[in-house]
Amino acid sequence: MRKKIIYNKYYEKFNEFESACMTFFRCIRKFKAELETLITDNFRAVGA
């Protein structure tokens, strides 16, 4: 979401930003392949 909605973009009004966020989540399937590259199952406890 940050890369598609927030990064290098300016929204004049909050409702424009809100609309862009809602559109992203409504169309999230369009970004499935890209999201899968960001998700990993290699978790490690930090400081444990």
Protein backbone atom coordinates (compact mmCIF):
# COMPACT_ATOMS: atom_id res chain seq x y z
CA MET A 1 0.00 0.00 0.00
CA ARG A 2 2.77 2.41 0.88
CA LYS A 3 4.40 1.94 -2.52
CA LYS A 4 1.17 2.35 -4.49
CA ILE A 5 -0.74 4.92 -2.43
CA ILE A 6 1.61 6.92 -0.24
CA TYR A 7 5.04 6.98 -1.85
CA ASN A 8 5.74 10.21 -3.75
CA LYS A 9 2.09 11.30 -3.82
CA TYR A 10 0.34 14.31 -2.39
CA TYR A 11 -3.34 14.36 -1.59
CA GLU A 12 -4.89 17.80 -1.27
CA LYS A 13 -7.73 16.54 0.92
CA PHE A 14 -8.09 13.67 3.34
CA ASN A 15 -11.07 12.23 1.46
CA GLU A 16 -8.86 11.88 -1.66
CA PHE A 17 -6.33 9.89 0.38
CA GLU A 18 -9.10 7.82 1.95
CA SER A 19 -10.57 7.08 -1.46
CA ALA A 20 -7.19 5.98 -2.81
CA CYS A 21 -6.72 3.64 0.18
CA MET A 22 -10.19 2.13 -0.19
CA THR A 23 -9.66 1.61 -3.93
CA PHE A 24 -6.38 -0.16 -3.20
CA PHE A 25 -8.04 -2.57 -0.77
CA ARG A 26 -11.02 -3.17 -3.07
CA CYS A 27 -8.64 -4.11 -5.90
CA ILE A 28 -6.03 -5.90 -3.77
CA ARG A 29 -6.26 -9.05 -5.89
CA LYS A 30 -4.66 -7.08 -8.71
CA PHE A 31 -1.50 -6.85 -6.57
CA LYS A 32 -1.43 -10.52 -5.49
CA ALA A 33 1.80 -11.46 -7.28
CA GLU A 34 3.59 -8.38 -6.01
CA LEU A 35 2.38 -8.93 -2.45
CA GLU A 36 3.47 -12.57 -2.50
CA THR A 37 7.05 -11.48 -3.14
CA LEU A 38 6.96 -9.36 0.04
CA ILE A 39 5.52 -12.02 2.33
CA THR A 40 7.85 -14.61 3.78
CA ASP A 41 7.48 -17.34 6.36
CA ASN A 42 11.00 -16.89 7.76
CA PHE A 43 10.22 -15.43 11.17
CA ARG A 44 12.68 -15.06 14.02
CA ALA A 45 12.15 -13.80 17.54
CA VAL A 46 14.21 -10.71 18.19
CA GLY A 47 15.74 -10.27 21.62
CA ALA A 48 14.41 -13.61 22.89
